[in-house]
């Protein structure tokens, strides 16, 4: 701890400002990915950048998936491609409410 605590004296908190989910959130509710970011930061704390990248890779990947949903989008794309392939082959017919036609109900 430094002799002069500049962050406290100036009323700023650079550590919280650098993190995405740890900043002040509306209505005081934690961000959706706050837990994943916290795990990643706690894992890498005190290790150094090189060791943290190697040892905390699973936590970082979980955090990035929570933020960007890339694996989820890829999985959904594969599911839709498989559905379209099965429709072309005649092995699957979607229900009426999934065909994209206008709803005739009032």
PDB file of N, CA and C in Angstrom:
ATOM      1  N   UNK A   1       0.847  -1.182   0.000  1.00  0.00           N
ATOM      2  CA  UNK A   1       0.000   0.000   0.000  1.00  0.00           C
ATOM      3  C   UNK A   1       0.882   1.231   0.000  1.00  0.00           C
ATOM      4  N   UNK A   2       0.651   2.148  -0.911  1.00  0.00           N
ATOM      5  CA  UNK A   2       1.486   3.346  -0.981  1.00  0.00           C
ATOM      6  C   UNK A   2       1.259   4.255   0.227  1.00  0.00           C
ATOM      7  N   UNK A   3       2.259   5.070   0.468  1.00  0.00           N
ATOM      8  CA  UNK A   3       2.171   6.001   1.595  1.00  0.00           C
ATOM      9  C   UNK A   3       1.040   6.996   1.383  1.00  0.00           C
ATOM     10  N   UNK A   4       0.924   7.518   0.163  1.00  0.00           N
ATOM     11  CA  UNK A   4      -0.191   8.407  -0.167  1.00  0.00           C
ATOM     12  C   UNK A   4      -1.178   7.630  -1.035  1.00  0.00           C
ATOM     13  N   UNK A   5      -2.357   7.488  -0.581  1.00  0.00           N
ATOM     14  CA  UNK A   5      -3.369   6.751  -1.342  1.00  0.00           C
ATOM     15  C   UNK A   5      -4.082   7.739  -2.266  1.00  0.00           C
ATOM     16  N   UNK A   6      -3.489   7.954  -3.456  1.00  0.00           N
ATOM     17  CA  UNK A   6      -4.011   8.954  -4.389  1.00  0.00           C
ATOM     18  C   UNK A   6      -5.416   8.634  -4.871  1.00  0.00           C
ATOM     19  N   UNK A   7      -5.687   7.371  -5.128  1.00  0.00           N
ATOM     20  CA  UNK A   7      -7.024   7.024  -5.611  1.00  0.00           C
ATOM     21  C   UNK A   7      -8.091   7.429  -4.614  1.00  0.00           C
ATOM     22  N   UNK A   8      -7.860   7.140  -3.344  1.00  0.00           N
ATOM     23  CA  UNK A   8      -8.847   7.484  -2.323  1.00  0.00           C
ATOM     24  C   UNK A   8      -8.928   8.994  -2.145  1.00  0.00           C
ATOM     25  N   UNK A   9      -7.790   9.681  -2.179  1.00  0.00           N
ATOM     26  CA  UNK A   9      -7.787  11.130  -1.998  1.00  0.00           C
ATOM     27  C   UNK A   9      -8.487  11.849  -3.150  1.00  0.00           C
ATOM     28  N   UNK A  10      -8.322  11.331  -4.360  1.00  0.00           N
ATOM     29  CA  UNK A  10      -8.950  11.970  -5.519  1.00  0.00           C
ATOM     30  C   UNK A  10     -10.384  11.497  -5.733  1.00  0.00           C
ATOM     31  N   UNK A  11     -10.794  10.474  -5.016  1.00  0.00           N
ATOM     32  CA  UNK A  11     -12.162   9.989  -5.130  1.00  0.00           C
ATOM     33  C   UNK A  11     -12.411   9.157  -6.376  1.00  0.00           C
ATOM     34  N   UNK A  12     -11.363   8.522  -6.898  1.00  0.00           N
ATOM     35  CA  UNK A  12     -11.526   7.664  -8.065  1.00  0.00           C
ATOM     36  C   UNK A  12     -11.122   6.243  -7.699  1.00  0.00           C
ATOM     37  N   UNK A  13     -11.573   5.291  -8.471  1.00  0.00           N
ATOM     38  CA  UNK A  13     -11.211   3.901  -8.256  1.00  0.00           C
ATOM     39  C   UNK A  13     -10.860   3.305  -9.609  1.00  0.00           C
ATOM     40  N   UNK A  14      -9.585   3.395  -9.967  1.00  0.00           N
ATOM     41  CA  UNK A  14      -9.125   2.957 -11.278  1.00  0.00           C
ATOM     42  C   UNK A  14      -9.321   1.455 -11.453  1.00  0.00           C
ATOM     43  N   UNK A  15      -9.155   0.699 -10.379  1.00  0.00           N
ATOM     44  CA  UNK A  15      -9.300  -0.751 -10.487  1.00  0.00           C
ATOM     45  C   UNK A  15     -10.701  -1.131 -10.941  1.00  0.00           C
ATOM     46  N   UNK A  16     -11.718  -0.528 -10.380  1.00  0.00           N
ATOM     47  CA  UNK A  16     -13.090  -0.835 -10.773  1.00  0.00           C
ATOM     48  C   UNK A  16     -13.396  -0.262 -12.154  1.00  0.00           C
ATOM     49  N   UNK A  17     -12.765   0.850 -12.513  1.00  0.00           N
ATOM     50  CA  UNK A  17     -13.009   1.471 -13.805  1.00  0.00           C
ATOM     51  C   UNK A  17     -12.468   0.605 -14.941  1.00  0.00           C
ATOM     52  N   UNK A  18     -11.381  -0.117 -14.694  1.00  0.00           N
ATOM     53  CA  UNK A  18     -10.771  -0.936 -15.738  1.00  0.00           C
ATOM     54  C   UNK A  18     -11.577  -2.187 -16.053  1.00  0.00           C
ATOM     55  N   UNK A  19     -12.377  -2.657 -15.115  1.00  0.00           N
ATOM     56  CA  UNK A  19     -13.146  -3.870 -15.318  1.00  0.00           C
ATOM     57  C   UNK A  19     -14.511  -3.530 -15.904  1.00  0.00           C
ATOM     58  N   UNK A  20     -15.024  -4.389 -16.768  1.00  0.00           N
ATOM     59  CA  UNK A  20     -16.294  -4.106 -17.451  1.00  0.00           C
ATOM     60  C   UNK A  20     -17.499  -4.263 -16.547  1.00  0.00           C
ATOM     61  N   UNK A  21     -17.582  -5.374 -15.865  1.00  0.00           N
ATOM     62  CA  UNK A  21     -18.791  -5.686 -15.110  1.00  0.00           C
ATOM     63  C   UNK A  21     -18.770  -5.160 -13.689  1.00  0.00           C
ATOM     64  N   UNK A  22     -17.623  -4.698 -13.218  1.00  0.00           N
ATOM     65  CA  UNK A  22     -17.523  -4.263 -11.832  1.00  0.00           C
ATOM     66  C   UNK A  22     -17.872  -2.792 -11.636  1.00  0.00           C
ATOM     67  N   UNK A  23     -18.111  -2.090 -12.712  1.00  0.00           N
ATOM     68  CA  UNK A  23     -18.472  -0.684 -12.570  1.00  0.00           C
ATOM     69  C   UNK A  23     -19.861  -0.568 -11.962  1.00  0.00           C
ATOM     70  N   UNK A  24     -20.222   0.618 -11.558  1.00  0.00           N
ATOM     71  CA  UNK A  24     -21.534   0.835 -10.979  1.00  0.00           C
ATOM     72  C   UNK A  24     -22.611   0.533 -12.006  1.00  0.00           C
ATOM     73  N   UNK A  25     -23.524  -0.330 -11.648  1.00  0.00           N
ATOM     74  CA  UNK A  25     -24.569  -0.765 -12.560  1.00  0.00           C
ATOM     75  C   UNK A  25     -25.887  -0.069 -12.205  1.00  0.00           C
ATOM     76  N   UNK A  26     -26.790   0.084 -13.178  1.00  0.00           N
ATOM     77  CA  UNK A  26     -28.084   0.689 -12.890  1.00  0.00           C
ATOM     78  C   UNK A  26     -28.845  -0.121 -11.848  1.00  0.00           C
ATOM     79  N   UNK A  27     -29.521   0.550 -10.963  1.00  0.00           N
ATOM     80  CA  UNK A  27     -30.332  -0.054  -9.909  1.00  0.00           C
ATOM     81  C   UNK A  27     -29.526  -0.917  -8.946  1.00  0.00           C
ATOM     82  N   UNK A  28     -28.210  -0.827  -8.983  1.00  0.00           N
ATOM     83  CA  UNK A  28     -27.366  -1.560  -8.055  1.00  0.00           C
ATOM     84  C   UNK A  28     -27.313  -3.059  -8.283  1.00  0.00           C
ATOM     85  N   UNK A  29     -27.776  -3.524  -9.437  1.00  0.00           N
ATOM     86  CA  UNK A  29     -27.767  -4.951  -9.748  1.00  0.00           C
ATOM     87  C   UNK A  29     -26.454  -5.277 -10.464  1.00  0.00           C
ATOM     88  N   UNK A  30     -25.811  -6.365 -10.071  1.00  0.00           N
ATOM     89  CA  UNK A  30     -24.551  -6.756 -10.696  1.00  0.00           C
ATOM     90  C   UNK A  30     -24.769  -7.108 -12.158  1.00  0.00           C
ATOM     91  N   UNK A  31     -23.750  -6.884 -12.977  1.00  0.00           N
ATOM     92  CA  UNK A  31     -23.819  -7.209 -14.390  1.00  0.00           C
ATOM     93  C   UNK A  31     -23.981  -8.701 -14.607  1.00  0.00           C
ATOM     94  N   UNK A  32     -24.470  -9.070 -15.767  1.00  0.00           N
ATOM     95  CA  UNK A  32     -24.753 -10.473 -16.073  1.00  0.00           C
ATOM     96  C   UNK A  32     -23.491 -11.330 -16.030  1.00  0.00           C
ATOM     97  N   UNK A  33     -22.372 -10.792 -16.425  1.00  0.00           N
ATOM     98  CA  UNK A  33     -21.134 -11.567 -16.494  1.00  0.00           C
ATOM     99  C   UNK A  33     -20.175 -11.224 -15.357  1.00  0.00           C
ATOM    100  N   UNK A  34     -20.676 -10.563 -14.348  1.00  0.00           N
ATOM    101  CA  UNK A  34     -19.835 -10.122 -13.237  1.00  0.00           C
ATOM    102  C   UNK A  34     -19.127 -11.295 -12.563  1.00  0.00           C
ATOM    103  N   UNK A  35     -19.827 -12.390 -12.343  1.00  0.00           N
ATOM    104  CA  UNK A  35     -19.233 -13.547 -11.656  1.00  0.00           C
ATOM    105  C   UNK A  35     -18.084 -14.134 -12.472  1.00  0.00           C
ATOM    106  N   UNK A  36     -18.260 -14.215 -13.787  1.00  0.00           N
ATOM    107  CA  UNK A  36     -17.201 -14.762 -14.638  1.00  0.00           C
ATOM    108  C   UNK A  36     -15.986 -13.849 -14.650  1.00  0.00           C
ATOM    109  N   UNK A  37     -16.209 -12.533 -14.706  1.00  0.00           N
ATOM    110  CA  UNK A  37     -15.095 -11.594 -14.690  1.00  0.00           C
ATOM    111  C   UNK A  37     -14.364 -11.664 -13.358  1.00  0.00           C
ATOM    112  N   UNK A  38     -15.120 -11.785 -12.300  1.00  0.00           N
ATOM    113  CA  UNK A  38     -14.516 -11.852 -10.969  1.00  0.00           C
ATOM    114  C   UNK A  38     -13.634 -13.095 -10.829  1.00  0.00           C
ATOM    115  N   UNK A  39     -14.130 -14.251 -11.315  1.00  0.00           N
ATOM    116  CA  UNK A  39     -13.329 -15.474 -11.271  1.00  0.00           C
ATOM    117  C   UNK A  39     -12.039 -15.314 -12.052  1.00  0.00           C
ATOM    118  N   UNK A  40     -12.124 -14.684 -13.218  1.00  0.00           N
ATOM    119  CA  UNK A  40     -10.951 -14.482 -14.059  1.00  0.00           C
ATOM    120  C   UNK A  40      -9.944 -13.573 -13.381  1.00  0.00           C
ATOM    121  N   UNK A  41     -10.405 -12.485 -12.789  1.00  0.00           N
ATOM    122  CA  UNK A  41      -9.505 -11.543 -12.120  1.00  0.00           C
ATOM    123  C   UNK A  41      -8.880 -12.185 -10.889  1.00  0.00           C
ATOM    124  N   UNK A  42      -9.675 -12.922 -10.112  1.00  0.00           N
ATOM    125  CA  UNK A  42      -9.141 -13.585  -8.929  1.00  0.00           C
ATOM    126  C   UNK A  42      -8.115 -14.648  -9.296  1.00  0.00           C
ATOM    127  N   UNK A  43      -8.334 -15.351 -10.394  1.00  0.00           N
ATOM    128  CA  UNK A  43      -7.391 -16.369 -10.836  1.00  0.00           C
ATOM    129  C   UNK A  43      -6.052 -15.739 -11.215  1.00  0.00           C
ATOM    130  N   UNK A  44      -6.085 -14.637 -11.940  1.00  0.00           N
ATOM    131  CA  UNK A  44      -4.862 -14.019 -12.440  1.00  0.00           C
ATOM    132  C   UNK A  44      -4.183 -13.092 -11.464  1.00  0.00           C
ATOM    133  N   UNK A  45      -4.828 -12.796 -10.351  1.00  0.00           N
ATOM    134  CA  UNK A  45      -4.268 -11.843  -9.395  1.00  0.00           C
ATOM    135  C   UNK A  45      -2.949 -12.376  -8.820  1.00  0.00           C
ATOM    136  N   UNK A  46      -1.906 -11.603  -8.991  1.00  0.00           N
ATOM    137  CA  UNK A  46      -0.614 -11.938  -8.408  1.00  0.00           C
ATOM    138  C   UNK A  46       0.211 -12.936  -9.199  1.00  0.00           C
ATOM    139  N   UNK A  47      -0.270 -13.400 -10.344  1.00  0.00           N
ATOM    140  CA  UNK A  47       0.483 -14.381 -11.123  1.00  0.00           C
ATOM    141  C   UNK A  47       1.429 -13.749 -12.131  1.00  0.00           C
ATOM    142  N   UNK A  48       1.101 -12.585 -12.591  1.00  0.00           N
ATOM    143  CA  UNK A  48       1.846 -11.994 -13.688  1.00  0.00           C
ATOM    144  C   UNK A  48       1.138 -12.293 -14.987  1.00  0.00           C
ATOM    145  N   UNK A  49       1.373 -11.473 -15.989  1.00  0.00           N
ATOM    146  CA  UNK A  49       0.606 -11.568 -17.230  1.00  0.00           C
ATOM    147  C   UNK A  49       0.853 -12.882 -17.970  1.00  0.00           C
ATOM    148  N   UNK A  50       2.104 -13.311 -18.066  1.00  0.00           N
ATOM    149  CA  UNK A  50       2.419 -14.517 -18.832  1.00  0.00           C
ATOM    150  C   UNK A  50       1.825 -15.766 -18.193  1.00  0.00           C
ATOM    151  N   UNK A  51       2.017 -15.935 -16.894  1.00  0.00           N
ATOM    152  CA  UNK A  51       1.456 -17.105 -16.208  1.00  0.00           C
ATOM    153  C   UNK A  51      -0.060 -17.063 -16.174  1.00  0.00           C
ATOM    154  N   UNK A  52      -0.621 -15.881 -15.988  1.00  0.00           N
ATOM    155  CA  UNK A  52      -2.079 -15.748 -15.911  1.00  0.00           C
ATOM    156  C   UNK A  52      -2.727 -16.129 -17.233  1.00  0.00           C
ATOM    157  N   UNK A  53      -2.136 -15.758 -18.343  1.00  0.00           N
ATOM    158  CA  UNK A  53      -2.702 -16.126 -19.651  1.00  0.00           C
ATOM    159  C   UNK A  53      -2.742 -17.641 -19.826  1.00  0.00           C
ATOM    160  N   UNK A  54      -1.728 -18.313 -19.352  1.00  0.00           N
ATOM    161  CA  UNK A  54      -1.658 -19.767 -19.502  1.00  0.00           C
ATOM    162  C   UNK A  54      -2.555 -20.474 -18.486  1.00  0.00           C
ATOM    163  N   UNK A  55      -2.510 -20.069 -17.236  1.00  0.00           N
ATOM    164  CA  UNK A  55      -3.201 -20.783 -16.169  1.00  0.00           C
ATOM    165  C   UNK A  55      -4.675 -20.404 -16.034  1.00  0.00           C
ATOM    166  N   UNK A  56      -5.048 -19.221 -16.484  1.00  0.00           N
ATOM    167  CA  UNK A  56      -6.429 -18.755 -16.309  1.00  0.00           C
ATOM    168  C   UNK A  56      -7.208 -18.736 -17.621  1.00  0.00           C
ATOM    169  N   UNK A  57      -6.756 -19.502 -18.592  1.00  0.00           N
ATOM    170  CA  UNK A  57      -7.415 -19.538 -19.894  1.00  0.00           C
ATOM    171  C   UNK A  57      -8.875 -19.993 -19.806  1.00  0.00           C
ATOM    172  N   UNK A  58      -9.210 -21.046 -19.023  1.00  0.00           N
ATOM    173  CA  UNK A  58     -10.630 -21.456 -18.950  1.00  0.00           C
ATOM    174  C   UNK A  58     -11.533 -20.359 -18.380  1.00  0.00           C
ATOM    175  N   UNK A  59     -11.052 -19.646 -17.360  1.00  0.00           N
ATOM    176  CA  UNK A  59     -11.855 -18.576 -16.780  1.00  0.00           C
ATOM    177  C   UNK A  59     -12.049 -17.439 -17.780  1.00  0.00           C
ATOM    178  N   UNK A  60     -10.990 -17.120 -18.531  1.00  0.00           N
ATOM    179  CA  UNK A  60     -11.081 -16.056 -19.533  1.00  0.00           C
ATOM    180  C   UNK A  60     -12.048 -16.446 -20.648  1.00  0.00           C
ATOM    181  N   UNK A  61     -11.988 -17.704 -21.092  1.00  0.00           N
ATOM    182  CA  UNK A  61     -12.897 -18.167 -22.143  1.00  0.00           C
ATOM    183  C   UNK A  61     -14.348 -18.124 -21.676  1.00  0.00           C
ATOM    184  N   UNK A  62     -14.594 -18.501 -20.420  1.00  0.00           N
ATOM    185  CA  UNK A  62     -15.953 -18.422 -19.875  1.00  0.00           C
ATOM    186  C   UNK A  62     -16.451 -16.982 -19.859  1.00  0.00           C
ATOM    187  N   UNK A  63     -15.586 -16.060 -19.456  1.00  0.00           N
ATOM    188  CA  UNK A  63     -15.951 -14.638 -19.403  1.00  0.00           C
ATOM    189  C   UNK A  63     -16.257 -14.100 -20.801  1.00  0.00           C
ATOM    190  N   UNK A  64     -15.414 -14.438 -21.778  1.00  0.00           N
ATOM    191  CA  UNK A  64     -15.631 -13.956 -23.141  1.00  0.00           C
ATOM    192  C   UNK A  64     -16.893 -14.566 -23.748  1.00  0.00           C
ATOM    193  N   UNK A  65     -17.183 -15.828 -23.438  1.00  0.00           N
ATOM    194  CA  UNK A  65     -18.409 -16.443 -23.937  1.00  0.00           C
ATOM    195  C   UNK A  65     -19.629 -15.753 -23.339  1.00  0.00           C
ATOM    196  N   UNK A  66     -19.553 -15.406 -22.074  1.00  0.00           N
ATOM    197  CA  UNK A  66     -20.669 -14.715 -21.431  1.00  0.00           C
ATOM    198  C   UNK A  66     -20.877 -13.335 -22.062  1.00  0.00           C
ATOM    199  N   UNK A  67     -19.792 -12.659 -22.390  1.00  0.00           N
ATOM    200  CA  UNK A  67     -19.894 -11.311 -22.956  1.00  0.00           C
ATOM    201  C   UNK A  67     -20.375 -11.323 -24.407  1.00  0.00           C
ATOM    202  N   UNK A  68     -19.850 -12.235 -25.224  1.00  0.00           N
ATOM    203  CA  UNK A  68     -20.081 -12.166 -26.671  1.00  0.00           C
ATOM    204  C   UNK A  68     -20.968 -13.275 -27.235  1.00  0.00           C
ATOM    205  N   UNK A  69     -21.148 -14.355 -26.507  1.00  0.00           N
ATOM    206  CA  UNK A  69     -22.010 -15.478 -26.912  1.00  0.00           C
ATOM    207  C   UNK A  69     -21.624 -16.061 -28.275  1.00  0.00           C
ATOM    208  N   UNK A  70     -20.326 -16.164 -28.548  1.00  0.00           N
ATOM    209  CA  UNK A  70     -19.885 -16.668 -29.848  1.00  0.00           C
ATOM    210  C   UNK A  70     -20.136 -18.168 -29.994  1.00  0.00           C
ATOM    211  N   UNK A  71     -19.882 -18.940 -28.948  1.00  0.00           N
ATOM    212  CA  UNK A  71     -20.114 -20.394 -29.023  1.00  0.00           C
ATOM    213  C   UNK A  71     -21.602 -20.688 -29.172  1.00  0.00           C
ATOM    214  N   UNK A  72     -22.435 -19.916 -28.492  1.00  0.00           N
ATOM    215  CA  UNK A  72     -23.879 -20.091 -28.590  1.00  0.00           C
ATOM    216  C   UNK A  72     -24.369 -19.800 -30.007  1.00  0.00           C
ATOM    217  N   UNK A  73     -23.858 -18.728 -30.612  1.00  0.00           N
ATOM    218  CA  UNK A  73     -24.257 -18.374 -31.977  1.00  0.00           C
ATOM    219  C   UNK A  73     -23.807 -19.444 -32.967  1.00  0.00           C
ATOM    220  N   UNK A  74     -22.615 -19.980 -32.780  1.00  0.00           N
ATOM    221  CA  UNK A  74     -22.116 -21.026 -33.665  1.00  0.00           C
ATOM    222  C   UNK A  74     -22.968 -22.288 -33.541  1.00  0.00           C
ATOM    223  N   UNK A  75     -23.331 -22.636 -32.326  1.00  0.00           N
ATOM    224  CA  UNK A  75     -24.177 -23.813 -32.106  1.00  0.00           C
ATOM    225  C   UNK A  75     -25.555 -23.629 -32.745  1.00  0.00           C
ATOM    226  N   UNK A  76     -26.136 -22.449 -32.582  1.00  0.00           N
ATOM    227  CA  UNK A  76     -27.437 -22.172 -33.186  1.00  0.00           C
ATOM    228  C   UNK A  76     -27.365 -22.238 -34.702  1.00  0.00           C
ATOM    229  N   UNK A  77     -26.278 -21.736 -35.277  1.00  0.00           N
ATOM    230  CA  UNK A  77     -26.100 -21.775 -36.724  1.00  0.00           C
ATOM    231  C   UNK A  77     -26.056 -23.224 -37.217  1.00  0.00           C
ATOM    232  N   UNK A  78     -25.326 -24.083 -36.493  1.00  0.00           N
ATOM    233  CA  UNK A  78     -25.237 -25.494 -36.884  1.00  0.00           C
ATOM    234  C   UNK A  78     -26.590 -26.185 -36.768  1.00  0.00           C
ATOM    235  N   UNK A  79     -27.344 -25.865 -35.741  1.00  0.00           N
ATOM    236  CA  UNK A  79     -28.675 -26.458 -35.570  1.00  0.00           C
ATOM    237  C   UNK A  79     -29.589 -26.058 -36.725  1.00  0.00           C
ATOM    238  N   UNK A  80     -29.570 -24.784 -37.103  1.00  0.00           N
ATOM    239  CA  UNK A  80     -30.413 -24.323 -38.209  1.00  0.00           C
ATOM    240  C   UNK A  80     -29.991 -24.934 -39.538  1.00  0.00           C
ATOM    241  N   UNK A  81     -28.673 -25.096 -39.732  1.00  0.00           N
ATOM    242  CA  UNK A  81     -28.195 -25.744 -40.954  1.00  0.00           C
ATOM    243  C   UNK A  81     -28.656 -27.196 -41.010  1.00  0.00           C
ATOM    244  N   UNK A  82     -28.597 -27.884 -39.890  1.00  0.00           N
ATOM    245  CA  UNK A  82     -29.050 -29.273 -39.843  1.00  0.00           C
ATOM    246  C   UNK A  82     -30.552 -29.365 -40.107  1.00  0.00           C
ATOM    247  N   UNK A  83     -31.314 -28.433 -39.557  1.00  0.00           N
ATOM    248  CA  UNK A  83     -32.764 -28.413 -39.786  1.00  0.00           C
ATOM    249  C   UNK A  83     -33.066 -28.205 -41.269  1.00  0.00           C
ATOM    250  N   UNK A  84     -32.379 -27.236 -41.895  1.00  0.00           N
ATOM    251  CA  UNK A  84     -32.592 -26.976 -43.321  1.00  0.00           C
ATOM    252  C   UNK A  84     -32.212 -28.184 -44.173  1.00  0.00           C
ATOM    253  N   UNK A  85     -31.136 -28.863 -43.787  1.00  0.00           N
ATOM    254  CA  UNK A  85     -30.708 -30.056 -44.516  1.00  0.00           C
ATOM    255  C   UNK A  85     -31.767 -31.148 -44.407  1.00  0.00           C
ATOM    256  N   UNK A  86     -32.323 -31.345 -43.213  1.00  0.00           N
ATOM    257  CA  UNK A  86     -33.350 -32.377 -43.019  1.00  0.00           C
ATOM    258  C   UNK A  86     -34.641 -32.026 -43.765  1.00  0.00           C
ATOM    259  N   UNK A  87     -34.976 -30.741 -43.856  1.00  0.00           N
ATOM    260  CA  UNK A  87     -36.161 -30.323 -44.608  1.00  0.00           C
ATOM    261  C   UNK A  87     -35.971 -30.629 -46.090  1.00  0.00           C
ATOM    262  N   UNK A  88     -34.769 -30.336 -46.625  1.00  0.00           N
ATOM    263  CA  UNK A  88     -34.489 -30.618 -48.035  1.00  0.00           C
ATOM    264  C   UNK A  88     -34.579 -32.108 -48.336  1.00  0.00           C
ATOM    265  N   UNK A  89     -34.084 -32.935 -47.409  1.00  0.00           N
ATOM    266  CA  UNK A  89     -34.103 -34.383 -47.603  1.00  0.00           C
ATOM    267  C   UNK A  89     -35.492 -34.974 -47.372  1.00  0.00           C
ATOM    268  N   UNK A  90     -36.408 -34.201 -46.797  1.00  0.00           N
ATOM    269  CA  UNK A  90     -37.757 -34.672 -46.554  1.00  0.00           C
ATOM    270  C   UNK A  90     -37.896 -35.480 -45.271  1.00  0.00           C
ATOM    271  N   UNK A  91     -36.907 -35.411 -44.403  1.00  0.00           N
ATOM    272  CA  UNK A  91     -36.945 -36.168 -43.157  1.00  0.00           C
ATOM    273  C   UNK A  91     -37.627 -35.394 -42.030  1.00  0.00           C
ATOM    274  N   UNK A  92     -37.868 -34.104 -42.260  1.00  0.00           N
ATOM    275  CA  UNK A  92     -38.456 -33.275 -41.207  1.00  0.00           C
ATOM    276  C   UNK A  92     -39.372 -32.247 -41.837  1.00  0.00           C
ATOM    277  N   UNK A  93     -40.534 -32.089 -41.268  1.00  0.00           N
ATOM    278  CA  UNK A  93     -41.432 -31.014 -41.682  1.00  0.00           C
ATOM    279  C   UNK A  93     -41.725 -30.163 -40.455  1.00  0.00           C
ATOM    280  N   UNK A  94     -41.450 -28.873 -40.541  1.00  0.00           N
ATOM    281  CA  UNK A  94     -41.685 -28.017 -39.379  1.00  0.00           C
ATOM    282  C   UNK A  94     -43.173 -27.866 -39.099  1.00  0.00           C
ATOM    283  N   UNK A  95     -43.546 -27.642 -37.851  1.00  0.00           N
ATOM    284  CA  UNK A  95     -44.954 -27.429 -37.531  1.00  0.00           C
ATOM    285  C   UNK A  95     -45.488 -26.164 -38.203  1.00  0.00           C
ATOM    286  N   UNK A  96     -46.787 -26.069 -38.289  1.00  0.00           N
ATOM    287  CA  UNK A  96     -47.426 -24.934 -38.969  1.00  0.00           C
ATOM    288  C   UNK A  96     -46.977 -23.583 -38.408  1.00  0.00           C
ATOM    289  N   UNK A  97     -46.836 -23.522 -37.097  1.00  0.00           N
ATOM    290  CA  UNK A  97     -46.501 -22.235 -36.484  1.00  0.00           C
ATOM    291  C   UNK A  97     -45.028 -21.871 -36.658  1.00  0.00           C
ATOM    292  N   UNK A  98     -44.212 -22.714 -37.293  1.00  0.00           N
ATOM    293  CA  UNK A  98     -42.809 -22.402 -37.552  1.00  0.00           C
ATOM    294  C   UNK A  98     -42.524 -22.145 -39.019  1.00  0.00           C
ATOM    295  N   UNK A  99     -43.555 -22.101 -39.841  1.00  0.00           N
ATOM    296  CA  UNK A  99     -43.339 -21.946 -41.281  1.00  0.00           C
ATOM    297  C   UNK A  99     -43.215 -20.499 -41.724  1.00  0.00           C
ATOM    298  N   UNK A 100     -43.439 -19.553 -40.851  1.00  0.00           N
ATOM    299  CA  UNK A 100     -43.282 -18.147 -41.194  1.00  0.00           C
ATOM    300  C   UNK A 100     -44.454 -17.551 -41.910  1.00  0.00           C
ATOM    301  N   UNK A 101     -45.588 -18.229 -41.898  1.00  0.00           N
ATOM    302  CA  UNK A 101     -46.774 -17.686 -42.561  1.00  0.00           C
ATOM    303  C   UNK A 101     -47.517 -16.765 -41.600  1.00  0.00           C
ATOM    304  N   UNK A 102     -48.340 -15.914 -42.191  1.00  0.00           N
ATOM    305  CA  UNK A 102     -49.098 -14.960 -41.380  1.00  0.00           C
ATOM    306  C   UNK A 102     -50.119 -15.682 -40.521  1.00  0.00           C
ATOM    307  N   UNK A 103     -50.249 -15.237 -39.284  1.00  0.00           N
ATOM    308  CA  UNK A 103     -51.187 -15.850 -38.356  1.00  0.00           C
ATOM    309  C   UNK A 103     -52.616 -15.431 -38.727  1.00  0.00           C
ATOM    310  N   UNK A 104     -53.491 -16.408 -38.880  1.00  0.00           N
ATOM    311  CA  UNK A 104     -54.860 -16.104 -39.293  1.00  0.00           C
ATOM    312  C   UNK A 104     -55.788 -15.854 -38.105  1.00  0.00           C
ATOM    313  N   UNK A 105     -55.283 -16.087 -36.913  1.00  0.00           N
ATOM    314  CA  UNK A 105     -56.123 -15.873 -35.727  1.00  0.00           C
ATOM    315  C   UNK A 105     -56.323 -14.382 -35.482  1.00  0.00           C
ATOM    316  N   UNK A 106     -57.455 -14.020 -34.874  1.00  0.00           N
ATOM    317  CA  UNK A 106     -57.698 -12.587 -34.610  1.00  0.00           C
ATOM    318  C   UNK A 106     -56.824 -12.058 -33.507  1.00  0.00           C
TER     319      UNK A 106
END
